[in-house]
Every structure is written in C-alpha cells, then in structure tokens.
Amino acid sequence: MKGDPEERAAAVGRYIVESGATVRAAAAVFGVSKSTIWKDQHRLRRQNPGLWAEVQAVVQKNKAERHLRGGEATRRKYLREPSCTAPHGTV
C-alpha cells in the first residue's frame, strides 16, 4: 500500500485507532518505515483532524506505556534464556 499518500494516511490512521497498534506495528503491516507513518500523521492532521485526534490519543497512550512493554520484554528474555544472567540479579 505505497500508493497515494493521502489514502495511506487515512488507512493507517483507521488501523491505529481500530487496533490500538504502535507506530512500529503499523509500519510493519503497511510495509513502510516508521518515519513514513509519522509523516502520514502530519498529512492526516490537515486532511482529517477528527481522525488525527483519535490517532494521537492512541499514540500518546502507547508512548506512555512503552517503558512497561520494554521492561516486560527484557523480563521475558531473561526468563526464557537460562544461560543469560539478569542484570543485578533481578527478574
């Protein structure tokens, strides 16, 4: 879906709102870079401010939670790989 940027911006916006996806996940689904997703959001702000506001709410929620997801991924890594030692003996 690398065609019309305005169509892609709207499609990506709808996808993020409906699925609650992160920018990284949306980029993977649409086959574009994270930078393109951000640029599409700038386009969306001009063409559909209502959808843009909904997308921003999801993006801000994801941004607020990302430190938790990162910590959880690290915890799972050390639980899965017994040869690794957790930093400072935590897990």
PDB file of N, CA and C in Angstrom:
ATOM      1  N   MET A   1       0.845  -1.184   0.000  1.00  0.00           N
ATOM      2  CA  MET A   1       0.000   0.000   0.000  1.00  0.00           C
ATOM      3  C   MET A   1       0.882   1.236   0.000  1.00  0.00           C
ATOM      4  N   LYS A   2       1.710   1.356  -1.006  1.00  0.00           N
ATOM      5  CA  LYS A   2       2.607   2.500  -1.066  1.00  0.00           C
ATOM      6  C   LYS A   2       2.118   3.533  -2.061  1.00  0.00           C
ATOM      7  N   GLY A   3       0.868   3.465  -2.470  1.00  0.00           N
ATOM      8  CA  GLY A   3       0.323   4.366  -3.473  1.00  0.00           C
ATOM      9  C   GLY A   3       0.131   5.785  -2.989  1.00  0.00           C
ATOM     10  N   ASP A   4      -1.086   6.253  -3.064  1.00  0.00           N
ATOM     11  CA  ASP A   4      -1.432   7.628  -2.734  1.00  0.00           C
ATOM     12  C   ASP A   4      -1.195   7.913  -1.245  1.00  0.00           C
ATOM     13  N   PRO A   5      -0.344   8.886  -0.925  1.00  0.00           N
ATOM     14  CA  PRO A   5      -0.037   9.173   0.487  1.00  0.00           C
ATOM     15  C   PRO A   5      -1.259   9.569   1.317  1.00  0.00           C
ATOM     16  N   GLU A   6      -2.203  10.299   0.722  1.00  0.00           N
ATOM     17  CA  GLU A   6      -3.388  10.711   1.479  1.00  0.00           C
ATOM     18  C   GLU A   6      -4.262   9.509   1.829  1.00  0.00           C
ATOM     19  N   GLU A   7      -4.419   8.592   0.870  1.00  0.00           N
ATOM     20  CA  GLU A   7      -5.199   7.379   1.143  1.00  0.00           C
ATOM     21  C   GLU A   7      -4.514   6.535   2.206  1.00  0.00           C
ATOM     22  N   ARG A   8      -3.189   6.403   2.067  1.00  0.00           N
ATOM     23  CA  ARG A   8      -2.432   5.617   3.034  1.00  0.00           C
ATOM     24  C   ARG A   8      -2.535   6.233   4.426  1.00  0.00           C
ATOM     25  N   ALA A   9      -2.447   7.558   4.514  1.00  0.00           N
ATOM     26  CA  ALA A   9      -2.530   8.235   5.813  1.00  0.00           C
ATOM     27  C   ALA A   9      -3.856   7.920   6.496  1.00  0.00           C
ATOM     28  N   ALA A  10      -4.942   7.964   5.742  1.00  0.00           N
ATOM     29  CA  ALA A  10      -6.259   7.666   6.313  1.00  0.00           C
ATOM     30  C   ALA A  10      -6.355   6.194   6.712  1.00  0.00           C
ATOM     31  N   ALA A  11      -5.842   5.302   5.860  1.00  0.00           N
ATOM     32  CA  ALA A  11      -5.898   3.871   6.163  1.00  0.00           C
ATOM     33  C   ALA A  11      -5.070   3.540   7.404  1.00  0.00           C
ATOM     34  N   VAL A  12      -3.885   4.116   7.491  1.00  0.00           N
ATOM     35  CA  VAL A  12      -3.033   3.887   8.660  1.00  0.00           C
ATOM     36  C   VAL A  12      -3.705   4.438   9.912  1.00  0.00           C
ATOM     37  N   GLY A  13      -4.286   5.620   9.804  1.00  0.00           N
ATOM     38  CA  GLY A  13      -4.978   6.219  10.942  1.00  0.00           C
ATOM     39  C   GLY A  13      -6.114   5.349  11.438  1.00  0.00           C
ATOM     40  N   ARG A  14      -6.931   4.852  10.507  1.00  0.00           N
ATOM     41  CA  ARG A  14      -8.040   3.966  10.896  1.00  0.00           C
ATOM     42  C   ARG A  14      -7.509   2.695  11.558  1.00  0.00           C
ATOM     43  N   TYR A  15      -6.433   2.151  10.990  1.00  0.00           N
ATOM     44  CA  TYR A  15      -5.849   0.923  11.538  1.00  0.00           C
ATOM     45  C   TYR A  15      -5.362   1.139  12.975  1.00  0.00           C
ATOM     46  N   ILE A  16      -4.661   2.235  13.208  1.00  0.00           N
ATOM     47  CA  ILE A  16      -4.131   2.517  14.547  1.00  0.00           C
ATOM     48  C   ILE A  16      -5.269   2.686  15.547  1.00  0.00           C
ATOM     49  N   VAL A  17      -6.316   3.398  15.148  1.00  0.00           N
ATOM     50  CA  VAL A  17      -7.446   3.626  16.057  1.00  0.00           C
ATOM     51  C   VAL A  17      -8.183   2.315  16.344  1.00  0.00           C
ATOM     52  N   GLU A  18      -8.435   1.517  15.309  1.00  0.00           N
ATOM     53  CA  GLU A  18      -9.199   0.282  15.481  1.00  0.00           C
ATOM     54  C   GLU A  18      -8.428  -0.775  16.261  1.00  0.00           C
ATOM     55  N   SER A  19      -7.121  -0.867  16.021  1.00  0.00           N
ATOM     56  CA  SER A  19      -6.342  -1.945  16.635  1.00  0.00           C
ATOM     57  C   SER A  19      -5.548  -1.507  17.854  1.00  0.00           C
ATOM     58  N   GLY A  20      -5.364  -0.203  18.025  1.00  0.00           N
ATOM     59  CA  GLY A  20      -4.522   0.275  19.120  1.00  0.00           C
ATOM     60  C   GLY A  20      -3.054  -0.007  18.869  1.00  0.00           C
ATOM     61  N   ALA A  21      -2.697  -0.211  17.606  1.00  0.00           N
ATOM     62  CA  ALA A  21      -1.335  -0.597  17.235  1.00  0.00           C
ATOM     63  C   ALA A  21      -0.327   0.510  17.504  1.00  0.00           C
ATOM     64  N   THR A  22       0.909   0.092  17.706  1.00  0.00           N
ATOM     65  CA  THR A  22       2.004   1.046  17.831  1.00  0.00           C
ATOM     66  C   THR A  22       2.417   1.504  16.438  1.00  0.00           C
ATOM     67  N   VAL A  23       3.203   2.558  16.387  1.00  0.00           N
ATOM     68  CA  VAL A  23       3.709   3.051  15.106  1.00  0.00           C
ATOM     69  C   VAL A  23       4.547   1.964  14.436  1.00  0.00           C
ATOM     70  N   ARG A  24       5.364   1.278  15.210  1.00  0.00           N
ATOM     71  CA  ARG A  24       6.207   0.205  14.668  1.00  0.00           C
ATOM     72  C   ARG A  24       5.348  -0.910  14.067  1.00  0.00           C
ATOM     73  N   ALA A  25       4.296  -1.311  14.762  1.00  0.00           N
ATOM     74  CA  ALA A  25       3.421  -2.377  14.265  1.00  0.00           C
ATOM     75  C   ALA A  25       2.687  -1.933  13.004  1.00  0.00           C
ATOM     76  N   ALA A  26       2.203  -0.699  12.987  1.00  0.00           N
ATOM     77  CA  ALA A  26       1.509  -0.188  11.803  1.00  0.00           C
ATOM     78  C   ALA A  26       2.458  -0.132  10.613  1.00  0.00           C
ATOM     79  N   ALA A  27       3.697   0.265  10.842  1.00  0.00           N
ATOM     80  CA  ALA A  27       4.680   0.323   9.761  1.00  0.00           C
ATOM     81  C   ALA A  27       4.906  -1.066   9.176  1.00  0.00           C
ATOM     82  N   ALA A  28       4.973  -2.072  10.026  1.00  0.00           N
ATOM     83  CA  ALA A  28       5.172  -3.438   9.549  1.00  0.00           C
ATOM     84  C   ALA A  28       3.978  -3.915   8.728  1.00  0.00           C
ATOM     85  N   VAL A  29       2.773  -3.622   9.190  1.00  0.00           N
ATOM     86  CA  VAL A  29       1.565  -4.056   8.482  1.00  0.00           C
ATOM     87  C   VAL A  29       1.464  -3.399   7.110  1.00  0.00           C
ATOM     88  N   PHE A  30       1.785  -2.112   7.028  1.00  0.00           N
ATOM     89  CA  PHE A  30       1.634  -1.379   5.776  1.00  0.00           C
ATOM     90  C   PHE A  30       2.885  -1.420   4.908  1.00  0.00           C
ATOM     91  N   GLY A  31       3.942  -2.028   5.394  1.00  0.00           N
ATOM     92  CA  GLY A  31       5.153  -2.180   4.595  1.00  0.00           C
ATOM     93  C   GLY A  31       5.887  -0.879   4.327  1.00  0.00           C
ATOM     94  N   VAL A  32       5.844   0.027   5.284  1.00  0.00           N
ATOM     95  CA  VAL A  32       6.546   1.305   5.156  1.00  0.00           C
ATOM     96  C   VAL A  32       7.378   1.517   6.419  1.00  0.00           C
ATOM     97  N   SER A  33       8.189   2.571   6.422  1.00  0.00           N
ATOM     98  CA  SER A  33       9.026   2.848   7.585  1.00  0.00           C
ATOM     99  C   SER A  33       8.236   3.592   8.661  1.00  0.00           C
ATOM    100  N   LYS A  34       8.799   3.610   9.864  1.00  0.00           N
ATOM    101  CA  LYS A  34       8.178   4.370  10.952  1.00  0.00           C
ATOM    102  C   LYS A  34       8.147   5.851  10.597  1.00  0.00           C
ATOM    103  N   SER A  35       9.175   6.326   9.919  1.00  0.00           N
ATOM    104  CA  SER A  35       9.213   7.735   9.508  1.00  0.00           C
ATOM    105  C   SER A  35       8.052   8.067   8.583  1.00  0.00           C
ATOM    106  N   THR A  36       7.719   7.127   7.706  1.00  0.00           N
ATOM    107  CA  THR A  36       6.596   7.334   6.791  1.00  0.00           C
ATOM    108  C   THR A  36       5.284   7.396   7.565  1.00  0.00           C
ATOM    109  N   ILE A  37       5.152   6.556   8.577  1.00  0.00           N
ATOM    110  CA  ILE A  37       3.937   6.586   9.398  1.00  0.00           C
ATOM    111  C   ILE A  37       3.798   7.947  10.065  1.00  0.00           C
ATOM    112  N   TRP A  38       4.902   8.473  10.621  1.00  0.00           N
ATOM    113  CA  TRP A  38       4.852   9.791  11.262  1.00  0.00           C
ATOM    114  C   TRP A  38       4.511  10.873  10.249  1.00  0.00           C
ATOM    115  N   LYS A  39       5.106  10.803   9.063  1.00  0.00           N
ATOM    116  CA  LYS A  39       4.817  11.794   8.020  1.00  0.00           C
ATOM    117  C   LYS A  39       3.341  11.706   7.616  1.00  0.00           C
ATOM    118  N   ASP A  40       2.819  10.496   7.529  1.00  0.00           N
ATOM    119  CA  ASP A  40       1.400  10.321   7.198  1.00  0.00           C
ATOM    120  C   ASP A  40       0.506  10.956   8.260  1.00  0.00           C
ATOM    121  N   GLN A  41       0.933  10.923   9.508  1.00  0.00           N
ATOM    122  CA  GLN A  41       0.126  11.534  10.561  1.00  0.00           C
ATOM    123  C   GLN A  41       0.084  13.050  10.420  1.00  0.00           C
ATOM    124  N   HIS A  42       1.175  13.632   9.922  1.00  0.00           N
ATOM    125  CA  HIS A  42       1.162  15.074   9.638  1.00  0.00           C
ATOM    126  C   HIS A  42       0.174  15.380   8.509  1.00  0.00           C
ATOM    127  N   ARG A  43       0.151  14.514   7.495  1.00  0.00           N
ATOM    128  CA  ARG A  43      -0.815  14.687   6.401  1.00  0.00           C
ATOM    129  C   ARG A  43      -2.241  14.548   6.929  1.00  0.00           C
ATOM    130  N   LEU A  44      -2.437  13.571   7.792  1.00  0.00           N
ATOM    131  CA  LEU A  44      -3.766  13.292   8.329  1.00  0.00           C
ATOM    132  C   LEU A  44      -4.291  14.479   9.129  1.00  0.00           C
ATOM    133  N   ARG A  45      -3.404  15.175   9.808  1.00  0.00           N
ATOM    134  CA  ARG A  45      -3.827  16.337  10.601  1.00  0.00           C
ATOM    135  C   ARG A  45      -4.495  17.381   9.710  1.00  0.00           C
ATOM    136  N   ARG A  46      -3.974  17.554   8.499  1.00  0.00           N
ATOM    137  CA  ARG A  46      -4.559  18.518   7.559  1.00  0.00           C
ATOM    138  C   ARG A  46      -5.829  17.987   6.910  1.00  0.00           C
ATOM    139  N   GLN A  47      -5.844  16.730   6.534  1.00  0.00           N
ATOM    140  CA  GLN A  47      -6.963  16.219   5.745  1.00  0.00           C
ATOM    141  C   GLN A  47      -8.133  15.709   6.578  1.00  0.00           C
ATOM    142  N   ASN A  48      -7.888  15.247   7.813  1.00  0.00           N
ATOM    143  CA  ASN A  48      -8.975  14.716   8.640  1.00  0.00           C
ATOM    144  C   ASN A  48      -8.635  14.943  10.117  1.00  0.00           C
ATOM    145  N   PRO A  49      -8.847  16.152  10.618  1.00  0.00           N
ATOM    146  CA  PRO A  49      -8.462  16.472  12.000  1.00  0.00           C
ATOM    147  C   PRO A  49      -9.131  15.586  13.057  1.00  0.00           C
ATOM    148  N   GLY A  50     -10.354  15.145  12.801  1.00  0.00           N
ATOM    149  CA  GLY A  50     -11.044  14.285  13.766  1.00  0.00           C
ATOM    150  C   GLY A  50     -10.345  12.945  13.931  1.00  0.00           C
ATOM    151  N   LEU A  51     -10.021  12.312  12.813  1.00  0.00           N
ATOM    152  CA  LEU A  51      -9.307  11.034  12.852  1.00  0.00           C
ATOM    153  C   LEU A  51      -7.916  11.233  13.437  1.00  0.00           C
ATOM    154  N   TRP A  52      -7.274  12.339  13.084  1.00  0.00           N
ATOM    155  CA  TRP A  52      -5.945  12.630  13.612  1.00  0.00           C
ATOM    156  C   TRP A  52      -5.981  12.690  15.141  1.00  0.00           C
ATOM    157  N   ALA A  53      -6.997  13.328  15.702  1.00  0.00           N
ATOM    158  CA  ALA A  53      -7.103  13.437  17.161  1.00  0.00           C
ATOM    159  C   ALA A  53      -7.254  12.055  17.802  1.00  0.00           C
ATOM    160  N   GLU A  54      -8.031  11.178  17.172  1.00  0.00           N
ATOM    161  CA  GLU A  54      -8.187   9.821  17.691  1.00  0.00           C
ATOM    162  C   GLU A  54      -6.868   9.063  17.640  1.00  0.00           C
ATOM    163  N   VAL A  55      -6.153   9.221  16.527  1.00  0.00           N
ATOM    164  CA  VAL A  55      -4.851   8.560  16.374  1.00  0.00           C
ATOM    165  C   VAL A  55      -3.888   9.068  17.437  1.00  0.00           C
ATOM    166  N   GLN A  56      -3.885  10.372  17.667  1.00  0.00           N
ATOM    167  CA  GLN A  56      -2.975  10.944  18.659  1.00  0.00           C
ATOM    168  C   GLN A  56      -3.249  10.394  20.052  1.00  0.00           C
ATOM    169  N   ALA A  57      -4.510  10.166  20.366  1.00  0.00           N
ATOM    170  CA  ALA A  57      -4.847   9.600  21.675  1.00  0.00           C
ATOM    171  C   ALA A  57      -4.231   8.207  21.828  1.00  0.00           C
ATOM    172  N   VAL A  58      -4.330   7.390  20.780  1.00  0.00           N
ATOM    173  CA  VAL A  58      -3.756   6.041  20.822  1.00  0.00           C
ATOM    174  C   VAL A  58      -2.233   6.117  20.898  1.00  0.00           C
ATOM    175  N   VAL A  59      -1.639   6.980  20.078  1.00  0.00           N
ATOM    176  CA  VAL A  59      -0.180   7.110  20.055  1.00  0.00           C
ATOM    177  C   VAL A  59       0.338   7.583  21.413  1.00  0.00           C
ATOM    178  N   GLN A  60      -0.335   8.534  22.022  1.00  0.00           N
ATOM    179  CA  GLN A  60       0.099   9.024  23.333  1.00  0.00           C
ATOM    180  C   GLN A  60      -0.037   7.939  24.405  1.00  0.00           C
ATOM    181  N   LYS A  61      -1.106   7.140  24.325  1.00  0.00           N
ATOM    182  CA  LYS A  61      -1.273   6.029  25.266  1.00  0.00           C
ATOM    183  C   LYS A  61      -0.135   5.030  25.100  1.00  0.00           C
ATOM    184  N   ASN A  62       0.172   4.683  23.848  1.00  0.00           N
ATOM    185  CA  ASN A  62       1.264   3.750  23.585  1.00  0.00           C
ATOM    186  C   ASN A  62       2.595   4.314  24.067  1.00  0.00           C
ATOM    187  N   LYS A  63       2.790   5.604  23.859  1.00  0.00           N
ATOM    188  CA  LYS A  63       4.036   6.237  24.285  1.00  0.00           C
ATOM    189  C   LYS A  63       4.168   6.192  25.807  1.00  0.00           C
ATOM    190  N   ALA A  64       3.063   6.402  26.506  1.00  0.00           N
ATOM    191  CA  ALA A  64       3.085   6.367  27.966  1.00  0.00           C
ATOM    192  C   ALA A  64       3.348   4.959  28.499  1.00  0.00           C
ATOM    193  N   GLU A  65       2.970   3.936  27.730  1.00  0.00           N
ATOM    194  CA  GLU A  65       3.116   2.549  28.177  1.00  0.00           C
ATOM    195  C   GLU A  65       4.390   1.887  27.683  1.00  0.00           C
ATOM    196  N   ARG A  66       5.142   2.524  26.812  1.00  0.00           N
ATOM    197  CA  ARG A  66       6.244   1.823  26.158  1.00  0.00           C
ATOM    198  C   ARG A  66       7.334   1.382  27.123  1.00  0.00           C
ATOM    199  N   HIS A  67       7.570   2.130  28.175  1.00  0.00           N
ATOM    200  CA  HIS A  67       8.593   1.700  29.129  1.00  0.00           C
ATOM    201  C   HIS A  67       8.170   0.412  29.836  1.00  0.00           C
ATOM    202  N   LEU A  68       6.875   0.219  29.995  1.00  0.00           N
ATOM    203  CA  LEU A  68       6.383  -1.013  30.604  1.00  0.00           C
ATOM    204  C   LEU A  68       6.562  -2.194  29.658  1.00  0.00           C
ATOM    205  N   ARG A  69       6.242  -1.992  28.376  1.00  0.00           N
ATOM    206  CA  ARG A  69       6.404  -3.066  27.393  1.00  0.00           C
ATOM    207  C   ARG A  69       7.867  -3.451  27.253  1.00  0.00           C
ATOM    208  N   GLY A  70       8.746  -2.468  27.248  1.00  0.00           N
ATOM    209  CA  GLY A  70      10.174  -2.755  27.134  1.00  0.00           C
ATOM    210  C   GLY A  70      10.681  -3.543  28.330  1.00  0.00           C
ATOM    211  N   GLY A  71      10.257  -3.165  29.513  1.00  0.00           N
ATOM    212  CA  GLY A  71      10.662  -3.888  30.710  1.00  0.00           C
ATOM    213  C   GLY A  71      10.131  -5.308  30.722  1.00  0.00           C
ATOM    214  N   GLU A  72       8.922  -5.492  30.254  1.00  0.00           N
ATOM    215  CA  GLU A  72       8.331  -6.828  30.196  1.00  0.00           C
ATOM    216  C   GLU A  72       9.079  -7.698  29.194  1.00  0.00           C
ATOM    217  N   ALA A  73       9.472  -7.142  28.060  1.00  0.00           N
ATOM    218  CA  ALA A  73      10.224  -7.898  27.058  1.00  0.00           C
ATOM    219  C   ALA A  73      11.569  -8.349  27.627  1.00  0.00           C
ATOM    220  N   THR A  74      12.221  -7.487  28.360  1.00  0.00           N
ATOM    221  CA  THR A  74      13.506  -7.838  28.970  1.00  0.00           C
ATOM    222  C   THR A  74      13.313  -8.939  30.006  1.00  0.00           C
ATOM    223  N   ARG A  75      12.268  -8.828  30.805  1.00  0.00           N
ATOM    224  CA  ARG A  75      11.990  -9.845  31.808  1.00  0.00           C
ATOM    225  C   ARG A  75      11.757 -11.209  31.162  1.00  0.00           C
ATOM    226  N   ARG A  76      10.956 -11.232  30.080  1.00  0.00           N
ATOM    227  CA  ARG A  76      10.696 -12.496  29.374  1.00  0.00           C
ATOM    228  C   ARG A  76      11.981 -13.062  28.784  1.00  0.00           C
ATOM    229  N   LYS A  77      12.845 -12.194  28.277  1.00  0.00           N
ATOM    230  CA  LYS A  77      14.109 -12.639  27.686  1.00  0.00           C
ATOM    231  C   LYS A  77      14.932 -13.400  28.717  1.00  0.00           C
ATOM    232  N   TYR A  78      15.066 -12.834  29.907  1.00  0.00           N
ATOM    233  CA  TYR A  78      15.885 -13.482  30.918  1.00  0.00           C
ATOM    234  C   TYR A  78      15.222 -14.721  31.496  1.00  0.00           C
ATOM    235  N   LEU A  79      13.915 -14.782  31.482  1.00  0.00           N
ATOM    236  CA  LEU A  79      13.231 -15.994  31.926  1.00  0.00           C
ATOM    237  C   LEU A  79      13.370 -17.106  30.896  1.00  0.00           C
ATOM    238  N   ARG A  80      13.401 -16.749  29.623  1.00  0.00           N
ATOM    239  CA  ARG A  80      13.465 -17.711  28.530  1.00  0.00           C
ATOM    240  C   ARG A  80      14.878 -18.255  28.340  1.00  0.00           C
ATOM    241  N   GLU A  81      15.896 -17.443  28.560  1.00  0.00           N
ATOM    242  CA  GLU A  81      17.272 -17.835  28.288  1.00  0.00           C
ATOM    243  C   GLU A  81      18.024 -18.062  29.601  1.00  0.00           C
ATOM    244  N   PRO A  82      18.058 -19.312  30.062  1.00  0.00           N
ATOM    245  CA  PRO A  82      18.705 -19.564  31.348  1.00  0.00           C
ATOM    246  C   PRO A  82      20.209 -19.287  31.328  1.00  0.00           C
ATOM    247  N   SER A  83      20.839 -19.288  30.148  1.00  0.00           N
ATOM    248  CA  SER A  83      22.274 -19.015  30.084  1.00  0.00           C
ATOM    249  C   SER A  83      22.588 -17.545  30.353  1.00  0.00           C
ATOM    250  N   CYS A  84      21.594 -16.679  30.197  1.00  0.00           N
ATOM    251  CA  CYS A  84      21.786 -15.255  30.478  1.00  0.00           C
ATOM    252  C   CYS A  84      21.558 -15.013  31.962  1.00  0.00           C
ATOM    253  N   THR A  85      22.330 -14.122  32.484  1.00  0.00           N
ATOM    254  CA  THR A  85      22.077 -13.735  33.871  1.00  0.00           C
ATOM    255  C   THR A  85      21.436 -12.366  33.863  1.00  0.00           C
ATOM    256  N   ALA A  86      20.444 -12.225  34.667  1.00  0.00           N
ATOM    257  CA  ALA A  86      19.730 -10.951  34.740  1.00  0.00           C
ATOM    258  C   ALA A  86      20.640  -9.902  35.357  1.00  0.00           C
ATOM    259  N   PRO A  87      20.542  -8.674  34.884  1.00  0.00           N
ATOM    260  CA  PRO A  87      21.363  -7.624  35.472  1.00  0.00           C
ATOM    261  C   PRO A  87      21.014  -7.428  36.945  1.00  0.00           C
ATOM    262  N   HIS A  88      22.033  -7.379  37.749  1.00  0.00           N
ATOM    263  CA  HIS A  88      21.879  -7.116  39.184  1.00  0.00           C
ATOM    264  C   HIS A  88      21.005  -8.158  39.881  1.00  0.00           C
ATOM    265  N   GLY A  89      20.900  -9.349  39.308  1.00  0.00           N
ATOM    266  CA  GLY A  89      20.151 -10.418  39.955  1.00  0.00           C
ATOM    267  C   GLY A  89      18.654 -10.201  40.040  1.00  0.00           C
ATOM    268  N   THR A  90      18.097  -9.347  39.187  1.00  0.00           N
ATOM    269  CA  THR A  90      16.659  -9.071  39.230  1.00  0.00           C
ATOM    270  C   THR A  90      15.921  -9.894  38.201  1.00  0.00           C
ATOM    271  N   VAL A  91      14.705 -10.149  38.438  1.00  0.00           N
ATOM    272  CA  VAL A  91      13.752 -10.727  37.481  1.00  0.00           C
ATOM    273  C   VAL A  91      12.471 -10.976  38.191  1.00  0.00           C
TER     274      VAL A  91
END
